[in-house]
Amino acid sequence: MVTVFTKFPIKSEFFEQYSKHLKEAVKLHKMTEQEGFLQMQLLAPQNMPHAAENNSFIIVTTWKDMPSFVAYTKSEAFSESHKNMPSRDWFAGSPSVEIFENIDQ
């Protein structure tokens, strides 16, 4: 099993718009229909007083295995879902992807 963290650093003035965009865009991903898809979470940043600002929205997906995730990234559904990305002005940096294997299976 693999878990994928896709992180999007967003400027704080666009948090509300990006949250709405993310909820709508995820429907286009059609992940739940993909072979090997197990679950997904959408996480919005929260901040604590006296701590560094957190501005990363995170999509957490869990897949049966790496080939299932890779197949999704090559699918038409993946391509279609990335056609209407928000303005670059919303981003505080570049998105990143981190992939982890579950070792307690």
N, C-alpha and C. Protein backbone atom coordinates (compact mmCIF):
# COMPACT_ATOMS: atom_id res chain seq x y z
N MET A 1 0.86 -1.17 0.00
CA MET A 1 0.00 0.00 0.00
C MET A 1 0.90 1.23 0.00
N VAL A 2 0.52 2.26 -0.77
CA VAL A 2 1.26 3.52 -0.79
C VAL A 2 0.31 4.68 -0.48
N THR A 3 0.87 5.68 0.19
CA THR A 3 0.14 6.90 0.50
C THR A 3 0.86 8.05 -0.18
N VAL A 4 0.09 8.89 -0.87
CA VAL A 4 0.64 10.00 -1.64
C VAL A 4 0.16 11.31 -1.01
N PHE A 5 1.11 12.19 -0.70
CA PHE A 5 0.82 13.52 -0.19
C PHE A 5 1.14 14.52 -1.29
N THR A 6 0.11 15.16 -1.83
CA THR A 6 0.31 16.20 -2.83
C THR A 6 0.05 17.53 -2.14
N LYS A 7 1.11 18.36 -2.06
CA LYS A 7 1.05 19.60 -1.28
C LYS A 7 1.02 20.82 -2.20
N PHE A 8 0.11 21.75 -1.87
CA PHE A 8 -0.07 22.96 -2.65
C PHE A 8 0.10 24.17 -1.73
N PRO A 9 1.23 24.88 -1.78
CA PRO A 9 1.39 26.08 -0.96
C PRO A 9 0.59 27.24 -1.58
N ILE A 10 -0.37 27.73 -0.83
CA ILE A 10 -1.30 28.75 -1.33
C ILE A 10 -1.19 30.02 -0.48
N LYS A 11 -1.20 31.17 -1.14
CA LYS A 11 -1.18 32.45 -0.43
C LYS A 11 -2.45 32.56 0.41
N SER A 12 -2.31 33.05 1.63
CA SER A 12 -3.43 33.07 2.58
C SER A 12 -4.66 33.82 2.05
N GLU A 13 -4.46 34.84 1.23
CA GLU A 13 -5.62 35.58 0.72
C GLU A 13 -6.46 34.76 -0.28
N PHE A 14 -5.93 33.62 -0.71
CA PHE A 14 -6.67 32.77 -1.65
C PHE A 14 -7.14 31.45 -1.02
N PHE A 15 -7.01 31.32 0.31
CA PHE A 15 -7.41 30.07 0.98
C PHE A 15 -8.85 29.68 0.67
N GLU A 16 -9.77 30.62 0.79
CA GLU A 16 -11.19 30.30 0.59
C GLU A 16 -11.46 29.86 -0.85
N GLN A 17 -10.92 30.60 -1.82
CA GLN A 17 -11.11 30.25 -3.22
C GLN A 17 -10.47 28.89 -3.55
N TYR A 18 -9.27 28.66 -3.01
CA TYR A 18 -8.58 27.40 -3.32
C TYR A 18 -9.31 26.22 -2.69
N SER A 19 -9.82 26.40 -1.50
CA SER A 19 -10.58 25.34 -0.85
C SER A 19 -11.77 24.93 -1.72
N LYS A 20 -12.48 25.92 -2.22
CA LYS A 20 -13.63 25.65 -3.11
C LYS A 20 -13.16 24.97 -4.40
N HIS A 21 -12.08 25.48 -4.99
CA HIS A 21 -11.53 24.88 -6.21
C HIS A 21 -11.16 23.42 -5.99
N LEU A 22 -10.50 23.14 -4.87
CA LEU A 22 -10.03 21.79 -4.59
C LEU A 22 -11.19 20.80 -4.48
N LYS A 23 -12.23 21.19 -3.77
CA LYS A 23 -13.41 20.33 -3.63
C LYS A 23 -14.03 20.02 -4.98
N GLU A 24 -14.10 21.01 -5.85
CA GLU A 24 -14.68 20.80 -7.19
C GLU A 24 -13.74 19.99 -8.08
N ALA A 25 -12.45 20.27 -8.02
CA ALA A 25 -11.48 19.60 -8.89
C ALA A 25 -11.37 18.12 -8.58
N VAL A 26 -11.50 17.77 -7.30
CA VAL A 26 -11.37 16.37 -6.91
C VAL A 26 -12.45 15.52 -7.58
N LYS A 27 -13.61 16.10 -7.79
CA LYS A 27 -14.68 15.36 -8.48
C LYS A 27 -14.24 14.98 -9.90
N LEU A 28 -13.45 15.85 -10.53
CA LEU A 28 -12.99 15.59 -11.89
C LEU A 28 -11.90 14.52 -11.94
N HIS A 29 -11.22 14.31 -10.84
CA HIS A 29 -10.14 13.33 -10.81
C HIS A 29 -10.65 11.91 -11.02
N LYS A 30 -11.89 11.66 -10.64
CA LYS A 30 -12.50 10.33 -10.75
C LYS A 30 -11.62 9.27 -10.09
N MET A 31 -10.96 9.63 -9.00
CA MET A 31 -10.08 8.69 -8.32
C MET A 31 -10.80 7.47 -7.82
N THR A 32 -12.00 7.67 -7.29
CA THR A 32 -12.72 6.54 -6.71
C THR A 32 -13.01 5.45 -7.75
N GLU A 33 -12.95 5.82 -9.03
CA GLU A 33 -13.20 4.85 -10.10
C GLU A 33 -11.92 4.17 -10.58
N GLN A 34 -10.76 4.60 -10.06
CA GLN A 34 -9.48 4.08 -10.55
C GLN A 34 -9.12 2.77 -9.87
N GLU A 35 -8.57 1.86 -10.64
CA GLU A 35 -8.10 0.58 -10.13
C GLU A 35 -7.05 0.81 -9.05
N GLY A 36 -7.24 0.20 -7.89
CA GLY A 36 -6.27 0.29 -6.80
C GLY A 36 -6.45 1.47 -5.86
N PHE A 37 -7.40 2.37 -6.15
CA PHE A 37 -7.66 3.50 -5.25
C PHE A 37 -8.32 3.00 -3.98
N LEU A 38 -7.85 3.48 -2.82
CA LEU A 38 -8.43 3.05 -1.54
C LEU A 38 -9.14 4.18 -0.80
N GLN A 39 -8.49 5.35 -0.68
CA GLN A 39 -9.14 6.46 0.03
C GLN A 39 -8.46 7.79 -0.26
N MET A 40 -9.16 8.88 0.13
CA MET A 40 -8.63 10.22 -0.08
C MET A 40 -9.08 11.14 1.06
N GLN A 41 -8.20 12.10 1.40
CA GLN A 41 -8.52 13.15 2.36
C GLN A 41 -8.07 14.48 1.76
N LEU A 42 -8.86 15.53 1.97
CA LEU A 42 -8.47 16.89 1.59
C LEU A 42 -8.19 17.64 2.88
N LEU A 43 -6.99 18.18 3.02
CA LEU A 43 -6.60 18.86 4.25
C LEU A 43 -6.31 20.33 3.97
N ALA A 44 -6.91 21.20 4.79
CA ALA A 44 -6.69 22.64 4.68
C ALA A 44 -5.76 23.08 5.81
N PRO A 45 -4.89 24.04 5.55
CA PRO A 45 -3.93 24.48 6.57
C PRO A 45 -4.61 25.14 7.76
N GLN A 46 -4.02 24.90 8.91
CA GLN A 46 -4.43 25.55 10.15
C GLN A 46 -3.18 26.15 10.77
N ASN A 47 -3.34 27.24 11.49
CA ASN A 47 -2.19 27.91 12.11
C ASN A 47 -2.37 28.06 13.61
N MET A 48 -1.24 27.96 14.30
CA MET A 48 -1.19 28.16 15.75
C MET A 48 -0.50 29.48 16.04
N PRO A 49 -0.93 30.17 17.08
CA PRO A 49 -0.22 31.40 17.46
C PRO A 49 1.25 31.08 17.75
N HIS A 50 2.11 31.98 17.39
CA HIS A 50 3.55 31.88 17.68
C HIS A 50 4.24 30.71 16.98
N ALA A 51 3.66 30.22 15.90
CA ALA A 51 4.29 29.15 15.11
C ALA A 51 4.42 29.65 13.68
N ALA A 52 5.29 29.01 12.94
CA ALA A 52 5.46 29.38 11.53
C ALA A 52 4.15 29.19 10.78
N GLU A 53 3.90 30.07 9.81
CA GLU A 53 2.66 29.98 9.04
C GLU A 53 2.62 28.69 8.23
N ASN A 54 1.48 28.05 8.28
CA ASN A 54 1.23 26.86 7.47
C ASN A 54 0.32 27.29 6.33
N ASN A 55 0.78 27.13 5.09
CA ASN A 55 -0.04 27.55 3.95
C ASN A 55 -0.27 26.42 2.96
N SER A 56 -0.01 25.17 3.36
CA SER A 56 -0.12 24.05 2.43
C SER A 56 -1.44 23.30 2.54
N PHE A 57 -2.16 23.29 1.42
CA PHE A 57 -3.30 22.39 1.28
C PHE A 57 -2.71 21.04 0.85
N ILE A 58 -3.27 19.96 1.37
CA ILE A 58 -2.70 18.65 1.07
C ILE A 58 -3.82 17.70 0.64
N ILE A 59 -3.58 17.00 -0.46
CA ILE A 59 -4.45 15.89 -0.87
C ILE A 59 -3.70 14.63 -0.49
N VAL A 60 -4.33 13.81 0.35
CA VAL A 60 -3.73 12.55 0.78
C VAL A 60 -4.53 11.42 0.12
N THR A 61 -3.85 10.61 -0.69
CA THR A 61 -4.52 9.47 -1.31
C THR A 61 -3.79 8.20 -0.93
N THR A 62 -4.54 7.12 -0.80
CA THR A 62 -3.96 5.82 -0.50
C THR A 62 -4.33 4.87 -1.63
N TRP A 63 -3.33 4.12 -2.06
CA TRP A 63 -3.45 3.23 -3.21
C TRP A 63 -3.00 1.82 -2.83
N LYS A 64 -3.55 0.84 -3.51
CA LYS A 64 -3.19 -0.56 -3.29
C LYS A 64 -1.68 -0.77 -3.43
N ASP A 65 -1.10 -0.14 -4.45
CA ASP A 65 0.33 -0.30 -4.71
C ASP A 65 0.81 0.82 -5.64
N MET A 66 2.12 0.91 -5.83
CA MET A 66 2.69 1.96 -6.68
C MET A 66 2.20 1.85 -8.13
N PRO A 67 2.14 0.65 -8.72
CA PRO A 67 1.64 0.58 -10.11
C PRO A 67 0.22 1.16 -10.26
N SER A 68 -0.62 1.02 -9.25
CA SER A 68 -1.97 1.59 -9.32
C SER A 68 -1.91 3.11 -9.37
N PHE A 69 -1.08 3.71 -8.53
CA PHE A 69 -0.95 5.17 -8.53
C PHE A 69 -0.35 5.66 -9.84
N VAL A 70 0.69 5.01 -10.31
CA VAL A 70 1.34 5.41 -11.57
C VAL A 70 0.35 5.31 -12.73
N ALA A 71 -0.46 4.25 -12.75
CA ALA A 71 -1.47 4.10 -13.81
C ALA A 71 -2.45 5.27 -13.77
N TYR A 72 -2.85 5.69 -12.57
CA TYR A 72 -3.76 6.83 -12.46
C TYR A 72 -3.12 8.08 -13.04
N THR A 73 -1.83 8.33 -12.76
CA THR A 73 -1.17 9.54 -13.25
C THR A 73 -1.05 9.55 -14.77
N LYS A 74 -1.21 8.39 -15.40
CA LYS A 74 -1.15 8.30 -16.86
C LYS A 74 -2.54 8.23 -17.50
N SER A 75 -3.58 8.32 -16.68
CA SER A 75 -4.95 8.18 -17.17
C SER A 75 -5.50 9.47 -17.76
N GLU A 76 -6.56 9.31 -18.54
CA GLU A 76 -7.26 10.46 -19.11
C GLU A 76 -7.91 11.29 -18.00
N ALA A 77 -8.42 10.62 -16.97
CA ALA A 77 -9.05 11.32 -15.85
C ALA A 77 -8.06 12.27 -15.18
N PHE A 78 -6.83 11.82 -14.99
CA PHE A 78 -5.79 12.65 -14.39
C PHE A 78 -5.51 13.86 -15.28
N SER A 79 -5.33 13.63 -16.57
CA SER A 79 -5.06 14.72 -17.51
C SER A 79 -6.19 15.74 -17.51
N GLU A 80 -7.42 15.27 -17.55
CA GLU A 80 -8.58 16.16 -17.58
C GLU A 80 -8.67 17.00 -16.31
N SER A 81 -8.38 16.40 -15.18
CA SER A 81 -8.53 17.11 -13.91
C SER A 81 -7.49 18.20 -13.72
N HIS A 82 -6.41 18.16 -14.47
CA HIS A 82 -5.35 19.16 -14.33
C HIS A 82 -5.41 20.26 -15.40
N LYS A 83 -6.46 20.28 -16.20
CA LYS A 83 -6.58 21.28 -17.26
C LYS A 83 -6.99 22.65 -16.74
N ASN A 84 -7.76 22.71 -15.67
CA ASN A 84 -8.28 23.99 -15.18
C ASN A 84 -7.68 24.34 -13.83
N MET A 85 -6.37 24.46 -13.80
CA MET A 85 -5.68 24.82 -12.56
C MET A 85 -5.92 26.29 -12.25
N PRO A 86 -5.88 26.65 -10.95
CA PRO A 86 -6.05 28.05 -10.59
C PRO A 86 -4.87 28.90 -11.08
N SER A 87 -5.05 30.20 -11.02
CA SER A 87 -4.00 31.13 -11.42
C SER A 87 -2.73 30.90 -10.60
N ARG A 88 -1.59 31.06 -11.23
CA ARG A 88 -0.31 30.94 -10.53
C ARG A 88 -0.19 31.97 -9.41
N ASP A 89 -0.95 33.05 -9.52
CA ASP A 89 -0.94 34.09 -8.49
C ASP A 89 -1.40 33.56 -7.13
N TRP A 90 -2.18 32.48 -7.12
CA TRP A 90 -2.68 31.91 -5.87
C TRP A 90 -1.58 31.17 -5.11
N PHE A 91 -0.55 30.71 -5.82
CA PHE A 91 0.46 29.83 -5.22
C PHE A 91 1.58 30.60 -4.55
N ALA A 92 1.98 30.11 -3.37
CA ALA A 92 3.09 30.69 -2.62
C ALA A 92 4.39 29.95 -2.93
N GLY A 93 4.33 28.96 -3.79
CA GLY A 93 5.48 28.14 -4.16
C GLY A 93 5.03 27.04 -5.09
N SER A 94 5.92 26.13 -5.37
CA SER A 94 5.60 25.03 -6.28
C SER A 94 4.94 23.87 -5.54
N PRO A 95 3.94 23.24 -6.16
CA PRO A 95 3.37 22.03 -5.57
C PRO A 95 4.43 20.93 -5.48
N SER A 96 4.22 20.01 -4.56
CA SER A 96 5.15 18.89 -4.42
C SER A 96 4.38 17.60 -4.15
N VAL A 97 5.02 16.49 -4.46
CA VAL A 97 4.42 15.17 -4.24
C VAL A 97 5.40 14.34 -3.43
N GLU A 98 4.89 13.72 -2.36
CA GLU A 98 5.69 12.81 -1.54
C GLU A 98 4.94 11.49 -1.47
N ILE A 99 5.65 10.39 -1.69
CA ILE A 99 5.03 9.06 -1.72
C ILE A 99 5.70 8.19 -0.66
N PHE A 100 4.86 7.48 0.10
CA PHE A 100 5.36 6.62 1.16
C PHE A 100 4.74 5.24 1.05
N GLU A 101 5.52 4.25 1.40
CA GLU A 101 5.01 2.87 1.44
C GLU A 101 4.63 2.53 2.87
N ASN A 102 3.48 1.92 3.03
CA ASN A 102 3.03 1.47 4.34
C ASN A 102 3.83 0.22 4.71
N ILE A 103 4.62 0.30 5.78
CA ILE A 103 5.47 -0.84 6.14
C ILE A 103 4.93 -1.67 7.29
N ASP A 104 3.73 -1.35 7.79
CA ASP A 104 3.17 -2.14 8.90
C ASP A 104 2.03 -3.05 8.44
N GLN A 105 2.08 -3.46 7.21
CA GLN A 105 1.01 -4.30 6.65
C GLN A 105 1.05 -5.70 7.22
